[in-house]
Amino acid sequence: MNFPSWIGYHVFYEGIEKTWRWTAKETELYDHWGMNEPSNKCGDELCVAIKYDIRQNWISLGCNQKLHCIC
């Protein structure tokens, strides 16, 4: 299967500044972004999913997409 799943990582706004954080509000010390990611192609890709392929890279997607999630 090659479908993405949410990993609980998203953009968090503090005033006008944005940072990537886990749902539990920890800041990230590790990342595994895919090439050219986070892409934010339409300005609304504020959540992160993992792709199930050989690399298992992270991708940015719009938060309203219905995907499985990993807790």
Protein backbone atom coordinates (compact mmCIF):
# COMPACT_ATOMS: atom_id res chain seq x y z
CA MET A 1 0.00 0.00 0.00
CA ASN A 2 1.24 3.45 -0.86
CA PHE A 3 -1.05 5.89 0.93
CA PRO A 4 -0.13 8.71 3.31
CA SER A 5 -1.13 8.83 6.99
CA TRP A 6 -1.26 11.79 9.38
CA ILE A 7 1.54 11.85 11.98
CA GLY A 8 0.30 14.64 14.29
CA TYR A 9 2.71 17.31 13.05
CA HIS A 10 1.39 20.66 11.81
CA VAL A 11 1.96 24.40 11.58
CA PHE A 12 1.43 26.22 14.87
CA TYR A 13 0.96 29.98 14.87
CA GLU A 14 2.31 32.23 17.61
CA GLY A 15 1.21 35.71 16.57
CA ILE A 16 2.47 36.15 13.02
CA GLU A 17 5.28 33.60 13.40
CA LYS A 18 4.65 30.00 12.39
CA THR A 19 6.54 26.92 13.48
CA TRP A 20 6.12 23.21 12.83
CA ARG A 21 5.08 21.37 16.01
CA TRP A 22 3.68 18.08 17.18
CA THR A 23 0.05 18.04 18.30
CA ALA A 24 1.31 17.89 21.92
CA LYS A 25 3.07 21.24 21.18
CA GLU A 26 6.66 19.94 21.29
CA THR A 27 8.97 21.57 18.78
CA GLU A 28 10.68 19.26 16.34
CA LEU A 29 14.26 18.14 16.74
CA TYR A 30 14.03 15.57 13.95
CA ASP A 31 12.49 15.75 10.52
CA HIS A 32 12.27 13.50 7.52
CA TRP A 33 10.89 15.78 4.80
CA GLY A 34 10.76 14.51 1.25
CA MET A 35 12.48 16.39 -1.55
CA ASN A 36 10.91 19.86 -2.08
CA GLU A 37 8.84 19.53 1.10
CA PRO A 38 7.17 21.18 2.85
CA SER A 39 5.78 22.42 -0.43
CA ASN A 40 2.66 24.34 0.67
CA LYS A 41 1.64 24.62 -2.98
CA CYS A 42 -1.65 26.48 -2.41
CA GLY A 43 -0.81 28.10 0.92
CA ASP A 44 -2.97 25.65 2.87
CA GLU A 45 -0.65 22.66 3.36
CA LEU A 46 -0.28 23.09 7.11
CA CYS A 47 -0.35 19.44 8.22
CA VAL A 48 2.13 16.60 7.73
CA ALA A 49 1.66 13.02 6.59
CA ILE A 50 4.11 10.18 6.06
CA LYS A 51 4.23 8.44 2.68
CA TYR A 52 4.48 4.67 2.78
CA ASP A 53 7.11 3.98 0.20
CA ILE A 54 10.74 2.91 0.36
CA ARG A 55 11.84 6.28 1.86
CA GLN A 56 8.84 6.97 4.14
CA ASN A 57 9.33 10.72 3.75
CA TRP A 58 7.10 13.40 5.24
CA ILE A 59 4.86 15.48 2.97
CA SER A 60 2.82 18.61 3.68
CA LEU A 61 -0.89 18.42 2.86
CA GLY A 62 -4.05 20.39 3.48
CA CYS A 63 -5.40 19.50 6.93
CA ASN A 64 -8.92 18.85 5.64
CA GLN A 65 -7.93 15.70 3.74
CA LYS A 66 -9.26 12.43 5.12
CA LEU A 67 -6.38 10.09 5.87
CA HIS A 68 -5.54 7.41 8.40
CA CYS A 69 -3.54 8.66 11.37
CA ILE A 70 -0.65 7.34 13.43
CA CYS A 71 -0.70 7.97 17.18
